[in-house]
Protein backbone atom coordinates (compact mmCIF):
# COMPACT_ATOMS: atom_id res chain seq x y z
CA MET A 1 0.92 9.58 26.79
CA SER A 2 3.56 6.52 27.51
CA ALA A 3 2.93 2.72 28.23
CA PRO A 4 5.06 -0.47 27.75
CA ALA A 5 5.17 -1.53 23.96
CA ALA A 6 3.67 -4.88 25.01
CA THR A 7 0.34 -3.45 26.49
CA ILE A 8 -0.94 -1.03 24.00
CA GLY A 9 -4.76 -1.96 23.76
CA GLN A 10 -4.20 -4.43 26.25
CA THR A 11 -6.56 -4.19 29.65
CA GLU A 12 -6.15 -5.18 33.10
CA ALA A 13 -8.45 -5.17 36.49
CA VAL A 14 -9.27 -1.72 37.53
CA VAL A 15 -6.00 -0.28 39.35
CA PRO A 16 -6.41 0.91 42.96
CA GLY A 17 -6.88 4.68 43.30
CA THR A 18 -8.72 4.62 40.17
CA GLN A 19 -12.07 2.64 41.18
CA PHE A 20 -15.43 4.06 40.94
CA ASP A 21 -18.94 2.76 41.83
CA GLU A 22 -20.06 0.63 39.10
CA ALA A 23 -23.35 0.25 39.78
CA THR A 24 -23.91 3.90 40.00
CA LEU A 25 -22.21 4.27 36.53
CA GLU A 26 -24.15 1.55 34.79
CA ARG A 27 -27.35 2.96 35.54
CA TYR A 28 -26.55 6.39 34.63
CA LEU A 29 -25.79 5.17 31.14
CA VAL A 30 -28.76 3.16 30.97
CA GLY A 31 -30.56 6.78 30.96
CA VAL A 32 -28.28 8.60 28.66
CA VAL A 33 -26.90 6.34 26.06
CA PRO A 34 -29.43 4.96 23.44
CA GLY A 35 -29.53 0.93 23.36
CA PHE A 36 -27.06 0.68 26.62
CA SER A 37 -28.13 -1.99 28.75
CA GLY A 38 -26.17 -4.16 31.32
CA PRO A 39 -24.41 -6.26 32.66
CA MET A 40 -21.65 -4.25 32.42
CA ALA A 41 -17.89 -5.51 33.13
CA VAL A 42 -15.30 -3.01 33.65
CA ASP A 43 -11.45 -3.16 32.91
CA GLN A 44 -8.98 -0.94 32.58
CA PHE A 45 -6.34 0.40 29.58
CA GLN A 46 -3.09 -0.12 30.56
CA GLY A 47 -0.64 2.95 30.43
CA GLY A 48 -3.09 6.29 30.28
CA GLN A 49 -0.48 8.09 32.63
CA SER A 50 -2.94 11.46 32.35
CA ASN A 51 -6.71 10.25 32.11
CA PRO A 52 -7.36 6.67 33.13
CA THR A 53 -9.15 5.19 30.63
CA PHE A 54 -11.65 1.97 31.14
CA LEU A 55 -13.06 -0.47 28.58
CA LEU A 56 -17.15 -0.84 29.42
CA THR A 57 -18.02 -4.35 28.08
CA THR A 58 -21.80 -5.14 27.84
CA PRO A 59 -23.64 -8.21 26.32
CA ASN A 60 -24.16 -6.24 23.05
CA ALA A 61 -21.47 -3.48 22.87
CA LYS A 62 -18.17 -2.15 24.17
CA TYR A 63 -17.48 1.16 25.07
CA VAL A 64 -14.31 3.39 26.32
CA LEU A 65 -14.77 6.03 29.32
CA ARG A 66 -11.97 8.66 29.93
CA ARG A 67 -12.01 10.21 33.09
CA LYS A 68 -10.14 13.14 35.04
CA PRO A 69 -7.63 11.48 37.82
CA ALA A 70 -8.64 12.38 41.21
CA GLY A 71 -6.77 14.71 43.62
CA VAL A 72 -5.37 18.24 42.79
CA LEU A 73 -4.69 18.69 38.91
CA LEU A 74 -2.45 21.44 37.06
CA ALA A 75 -4.71 24.06 35.68
CA SER A 76 -5.88 23.29 32.12
CA ALA A 77 -4.34 19.64 32.40
CA HIS A 78 -6.80 16.53 32.38
CA ALA A 79 -9.63 18.65 30.31
CA VAL A 80 -11.94 15.49 29.29
CA ASP A 81 -14.47 18.07 28.29
CA ARG A 82 -12.04 19.71 25.75
CA GLU A 83 -11.58 15.85 24.37
CA TYR A 84 -15.31 15.24 24.26
CA ARG A 85 -16.12 18.54 22.33
CA ILE A 86 -12.93 18.16 19.81
CA THR A 87 -14.10 14.09 18.90
CA ARG A 88 -17.69 15.24 18.58
CA ALA A 89 -16.94 18.11 16.29
CA LEU A 90 -14.46 15.93 14.16
CA PHE A 91 -16.79 12.71 14.32
CA GLU A 92 -19.95 14.92 12.79
CA ALA A 93 -17.12 16.07 10.03
CA GLY A 94 -16.19 12.57 9.34
CA LEU A 95 -12.87 12.08 10.71
CA PRO A 96 -11.39 8.52 12.04
CA VAL A 97 -12.24 9.23 15.71
CA PRO A 98 -14.47 7.37 18.03
CA GLU A 99 -18.08 8.27 18.58
CA PRO A 100 -18.35 10.33 21.58
CA LEU A 101 -21.87 9.56 23.35
CA VAL A 102 -22.00 11.59 26.37
CA LEU A 103 -19.79 14.20 28.51
CA CYS A 104 -20.64 13.77 32.51
CA GLU A 105 -19.82 16.63 34.63
CA ASP A 106 -22.04 15.44 37.59
CA LEU A 107 -19.28 14.48 39.90
CA ASP A 108 -22.01 12.34 42.12
CA VAL A 109 -21.78 9.55 39.26
CA ILE A 110 -18.03 8.51 39.62
CA GLY A 111 -16.43 11.31 41.42
CA THR A 112 -14.74 13.25 38.30
CA MET A 113 -16.11 14.44 35.14
CA PHE A 114 -15.58 11.77 32.28
CA TYR A 115 -17.06 10.69 28.90
CA VAL A 116 -18.19 7.55 27.31
CA MET A 117 -17.50 6.94 23.53
CA ARG A 118 -17.92 3.81 21.24
CA HIS A 119 -15.36 1.44 21.12
CA VAL A 120 -13.11 1.18 18.38
CA PRO A 121 -11.40 -2.24 17.57
CA GLY A 122 -8.05 -1.86 16.19
CA ARG A 123 -4.34 -2.37 16.07
CA GLY A 124 -1.56 -0.36 18.20
CA PHE A 125 2.07 0.36 17.09
CA TRP A 126 4.47 1.38 19.71
CA ASP A 127 7.25 0.17 17.75
CA PRO A 128 7.87 2.53 14.37
CA ARG A 129 9.52 0.00 12.48
CA MET A 130 6.19 -2.70 12.86
CA PRO A 131 7.80 -5.91 12.56
CA GLN A 132 4.65 -7.60 12.62
CA LEU A 133 3.69 -6.26 9.18
CA SER A 134 4.93 -6.66 6.08
CA PRO A 135 6.91 -3.76 4.01
CA ALA A 136 3.49 -3.09 1.50
CA GLU A 137 1.59 -3.08 4.84
CA ARG A 138 4.19 -0.61 6.41
CA ALA A 139 3.90 1.57 3.45
CA ALA A 140 0.07 1.59 3.62
CA VAL A 141 0.17 2.50 7.51
CA TYR A 142 2.56 5.25 7.27
CA ASP A 143 0.66 6.60 3.90
CA SER A 144 -2.99 6.38 6.02
CA ALA A 145 -1.56 7.93 9.15
CA ASN A 146 0.17 10.84 6.37
CA ASP A 147 -3.38 11.10 4.83
CA THR A 148 -5.13 11.18 8.28
CA LEU A 149 -3.22 13.77 9.47
CA ALA A 150 -3.10 16.43 6.21
CA ARG A 151 -6.95 15.59 6.31
CA LEU A 152 -7.10 16.78 9.97
CA HIS A 153 -5.09 19.97 9.20
CA ARG A 154 -7.13 20.79 6.27
CA VAL A 155 -10.61 20.80 8.44
CA ASP A 156 -12.44 24.24 8.52
CA TYR A 157 -12.14 24.31 12.23
CA ALA A 158 -14.52 27.68 12.70
CA ALA A 159 -16.98 25.94 10.25
CA LEU A 160 -17.26 23.26 13.34
CA GLY A 161 -17.67 25.52 15.79
CA LEU A 162 -14.19 25.53 16.97
CA ALA A 163 -13.06 28.88 16.34
CA ASP A 164 -12.37 29.42 20.23
CA TYR A 165 -10.68 26.26 20.80
CA GLY A 166 -7.22 27.92 21.19
CA ARG A 167 -5.64 30.63 20.21
CA PRO A 168 -4.17 31.46 16.42
CA GLY A 169 -0.62 32.38 16.20
CA ASN A 170 2.55 32.54 18.22
CA TYR A 171 2.01 28.40 18.47
CA PHE A 172 5.72 27.35 19.38
CA VAL A 173 6.07 30.44 21.67
CA ARG A 174 3.07 29.35 23.61
CA GLN A 175 4.21 26.00 23.84
CA ILE A 176 7.35 26.62 24.90
CA SER A 177 5.88 28.60 27.69
CA ARG A 178 3.01 25.96 28.79
CA TRP A 179 5.73 23.35 29.10
CA THR A 180 8.07 25.27 30.66
CA ARG A 181 5.63 26.19 33.29
CA GLN A 182 4.88 22.78 33.44
CA TYR A 183 8.27 21.58 34.24
CA GLU A 184 8.55 24.46 36.91
CA ALA A 185 5.64 23.34 38.56
CA SER A 186 6.17 19.65 38.81
CA ARG A 187 10.04 20.00 39.23
CA THR A 188 11.43 17.21 41.22
CA VAL A 189 15.23 17.48 40.60
CA ASP A 190 17.24 19.90 38.88
CA ILE A 191 18.38 19.27 35.23
CA PRO A 192 20.41 22.07 33.66
CA GLU A 193 19.53 21.18 30.33
CA MET A 194 15.95 21.87 30.84
CA ASP A 195 16.84 25.19 32.07
CA TRP A 196 18.96 26.04 29.25
CA LEU A 197 16.54 25.00 26.58
CA ALA A 198 13.66 26.85 28.23
CA GLU A 199 16.17 30.04 27.92
CA TRP A 200 17.00 29.17 24.54
CA LEU A 201 13.68 27.93 22.70
CA PRO A 202 11.80 30.98 22.28
CA GLY A 203 14.39 32.71 20.31
CA ALA A 204 15.28 30.13 18.26
CA ILE A 205 11.92 29.04 16.42
CA PRO A 206 12.82 29.19 12.55
CA PRO A 207 10.51 31.29 10.42
CA SER A 208 7.06 30.17 9.29
CA ASP A 209 4.02 31.10 7.55
CA GLU A 210 1.78 30.82 11.16
CA ARG A 211 -0.85 28.46 9.83
CA THR A 212 -3.31 27.83 12.47
CA THR A 213 -5.35 24.44 12.17
CA ILE A 214 -6.40 21.55 14.61
CA ILE A 215 -3.78 20.34 16.62
CA HIS A 216 -3.97 16.76 17.71
CA GLY A 217 -1.05 17.35 20.11
CA ASP A 218 0.21 13.80 20.40
CA TYR A 219 -0.05 12.40 16.72
CA SER A 220 2.22 9.42 17.20
CA PHE A 221 1.29 5.97 16.21
CA HIS A 222 0.58 4.75 19.88
CA ASN A 223 -2.41 7.06 19.58
CA LEU A 224 -3.36 5.57 15.99
CA LEU A 225 -5.69 2.51 15.86
CA ILE A 226 -5.41 0.45 12.51
CA HIS A 227 -7.89 -1.56 11.53
CA PRO A 228 -7.78 -5.10 12.74
CA THR A 229 -7.28 -6.41 9.28
CA GLU A 230 -6.97 -3.50 6.75
CA PRO A 231 -3.50 -1.44 6.93
CA ARG A 232 -5.30 1.90 7.32
CA VAL A 233 -6.05 4.08 10.30
CA ALA A 234 -9.55 3.22 11.96
CA ALA A 235 -9.58 5.91 14.40
CA VAL A 236 -7.37 8.80 16.23
CA ILE A 237 -7.47 8.61 19.88
CA ASP A 238 -6.45 10.24 23.00
CA TRP A 239 -7.09 14.51 22.26
CA GLU A 240 -6.27 15.57 25.52
CA LEU A 241 -3.32 17.94 23.89
CA SER A 242 -5.61 18.99 21.18
CA THR A 243 -5.66 22.64 20.59
CA LEU A 244 -5.57 25.19 17.56
CA GLY A 245 -2.03 26.05 16.29
CA ASP A 246 0.54 25.61 13.66
CA PRO A 247 0.37 22.19 11.94
CA LEU A 248 4.35 21.87 12.02
CA GLY A 249 3.45 21.26 15.87
CA ASP A 250 1.97 17.92 15.21
CA LEU A 251 4.06 16.94 11.86
CA THR A 252 7.33 17.37 13.60
CA TYR A 253 6.10 15.56 16.21
CA HIS A 254 5.04 12.85 14.41
CA MET A 255 7.89 12.87 12.84
CA MET A 256 10.31 12.34 15.80
CA GLU A 257 9.89 8.31 14.63
CA TRP A 258 12.87 9.41 12.19
CA PHE A 259 14.44 12.01 14.13
CA ARG A 260 14.40 10.62 17.85
CA PRO A 261 17.83 9.51 19.45
CA GLU A 262 18.42 5.98 20.51
CA GLY A 263 17.65 4.98 24.19
CA VAL A 264 15.37 8.04 24.99
CA ASP A 265 12.10 6.60 24.34
CA VAL A 266 10.45 3.10 24.70
CA ARG A 267 8.99 3.84 21.66
CA GLY A 268 12.03 3.02 19.61
CA THR A 269 13.22 5.09 16.58
CA LEU A 270 13.93 4.77 12.67
CA ARG A 271 16.83 5.86 12.84
CA GLY A 272 19.78 3.96 11.26
CA ALA A 273 16.86 1.58 9.77
CA ASP A 274 17.05 0.28 6.53
CA LEU A 275 13.84 2.37 5.63
CA THR A 276 13.57 0.85 1.88
CA ALA A 277 13.75 -3.03 3.10
CA LEU A 278 11.05 -1.45 5.66
CA GLY A 279 8.54 -0.10 3.08
CA ILE A 280 8.93 3.04 4.92
CA PRO A 281 9.67 6.35 3.34
CA THR A 282 12.33 8.62 4.23
CA PRO A 283 11.32 11.76 6.17
CA GLU A 284 12.04 14.17 3.13
CA ALA A 285 9.51 12.04 1.00
CA TYR A 286 6.97 11.66 3.94
CA ALA A 287 6.99 15.22 4.36
CA ARG A 288 6.73 15.81 0.69
CA THR A 289 3.84 13.95 0.55
CA TYR A 290 2.05 15.65 3.32
CA CYS A 291 2.70 19.25 1.71
CA GLU A 292 1.48 17.79 -1.49
CA ARG A 293 -1.96 16.69 0.35
CA THR A 294 -2.56 19.92 2.21
CA GLY A 295 -1.02 22.57 0.06
CA PHE A 296 1.69 23.89 2.81
CA ASP A 297 5.33 24.40 2.03
CA VAL A 298 6.90 23.33 5.29
CA ASP A 299 10.34 21.79 6.64
CA PRO A 300 9.83 19.89 9.52
CA THR A 301 13.28 18.17 9.40
CA HIS A 302 15.12 21.84 11.19
CA PRO A 303 16.90 20.25 14.46
CA PHE A 304 15.15 22.80 16.30
CA TYR A 305 12.02 20.95 16.01
CA THR A 306 13.75 17.45 17.39
CA ALA A 307 15.03 19.68 20.22
CA PHE A 308 11.66 21.20 21.09
CA ASN A 309 9.69 17.93 20.98
CA LEU A 310 12.06 16.37 23.28
CA PHE A 311 11.86 19.15 25.67
CA ARG A 312 8.40 18.99 25.75
CA VAL A 313 8.20 15.21 26.03
CA ALA A 314 10.53 15.66 28.77
CA ALA A 315 8.21 18.35 30.26
CA ILE A 316 4.87 15.85 30.16
CA LEU A 317 7.07 13.19 31.77
CA GLN A 318 8.02 15.76 34.34
CA GLY A 319 4.15 16.23 35.17
CA ILE A 320 3.79 12.56 35.81
CA ALA A 321 6.76 12.80 38.27
CA GLY A 322 5.19 15.93 40.23
CA ARG A 323 1.97 13.95 40.28
CA ALA A 324 3.74 10.80 41.79
CA ARG A 325 5.49 13.10 44.16
CA ASP A 326 1.85 14.72 44.95
CA GLY A 327 0.72 10.95 45.52
CA VAL A 328 -1.85 11.59 42.22
CA GLN A 329 -0.18 8.40 40.19
CA THR A 330 -2.00 7.18 37.49
CA ALA A 331 0.22 4.30 36.38
CA ALA A 332 2.25 1.47 38.06
CA ASN A 333 5.19 2.38 35.79
CA ALA A 334 5.59 6.12 36.58
CA GLY A 335 8.96 5.12 38.35
CA GLU A 336 10.15 3.87 34.92
CA ILE A 337 8.80 7.13 33.21
CA ILE A 338 10.61 9.51 35.37
CA GLN A 339 13.90 7.82 34.84
CA ARG A 340 13.48 8.91 31.22
CA ILE A 341 13.23 12.68 31.76
CA ARG A 342 17.05 13.42 32.15
CA PRO A 343 18.01 11.36 28.97
CA LEU A 344 15.64 13.50 27.37
CA ALA A 345 16.86 16.65 28.29
CA LEU A 346 20.03 15.72 27.22
CA ALA A 347 19.08 14.59 23.61
CA ALA A 348 16.97 17.60 23.26
CA TRP A 349 20.22 19.96 24.37
CA HIS A 350 22.56 17.94 22.04
CA SER A 351 19.87 18.83 18.90
CA ALA A 352 19.66 22.39 20.36
CA ARG A 353 23.53 22.58 19.74
CA GLU A 354 23.25 21.09 16.19
CA ALA A 355 20.53 23.84 15.65
CA GLY A 356 22.90 26.87 16.88
CA ALA A 357 22.84 26.90 20.63
CA GLY A 358 25.64 28.07 22.45
């Protein structure tokens, strides 16, 4: 879920440890993807800490391959089959996602399960201030991101055959439990604030209407492909953390752009920014627009959500630390990422204190 700001969408030679037999893959795709023909060149997208992601270039088209990493994995992690299922359903429903083409569960092809989708050209933005854009373009991009999230949360998931895609109710309770377990399973050093947060968070969840919708799970600008020439979302990518749950999970994580403390994430923050000059709405206005589009009445600005989301990101990065410890490392900058865990935990506990933690 993390990559240096300058590398979003950029590719490099396939990283050692993630290689596979490209000739075998090409023969397989010729047989299962209509119109696919070689020769095929393979490059790897930079970043991709969880599921290694590759660009497949042929004379007639480009494709993207997402695969599980090799090695022993945490239970329920790296579920590319779930990614394929959700993107297939949402693509057929008209949501802006890349078209998934084939899921391969045969480990003899490249050694792990994988799926292939059509490549969607687009721009990625790591910095929420988007310095490359004009104020009017920023306003349009933020509005498109808001509208896309609202559309996702209005989808009738049962009608798409996704009633069993997750469990309804108690979303934040389940998430806190999940990420606490991942943190414990991947623990490399003791961080007292993470232990305090794991104890405090379950009893501090603000009351909500417990709606259930499809949840992307990592809805942030680095997972939104913006059209190459127009200020609108062309595709939402990286559905690994998707499930069914409270839409506040997506909205509050997405709105960390406004609330994220300085210095805890390479994505930066809108804290202290002149939003009017930038053409970016205030968090209150952004939430109000979302509520108008969905019909929901929610308040994503409570400091509990900042504490929860920072804790969650720290636990996700701790998973990277655990994989590095175990020799299952999928990115060259894993060491840099691991250094962010403690600052995230400290910032999360600060927000918890603002929310009433002792």
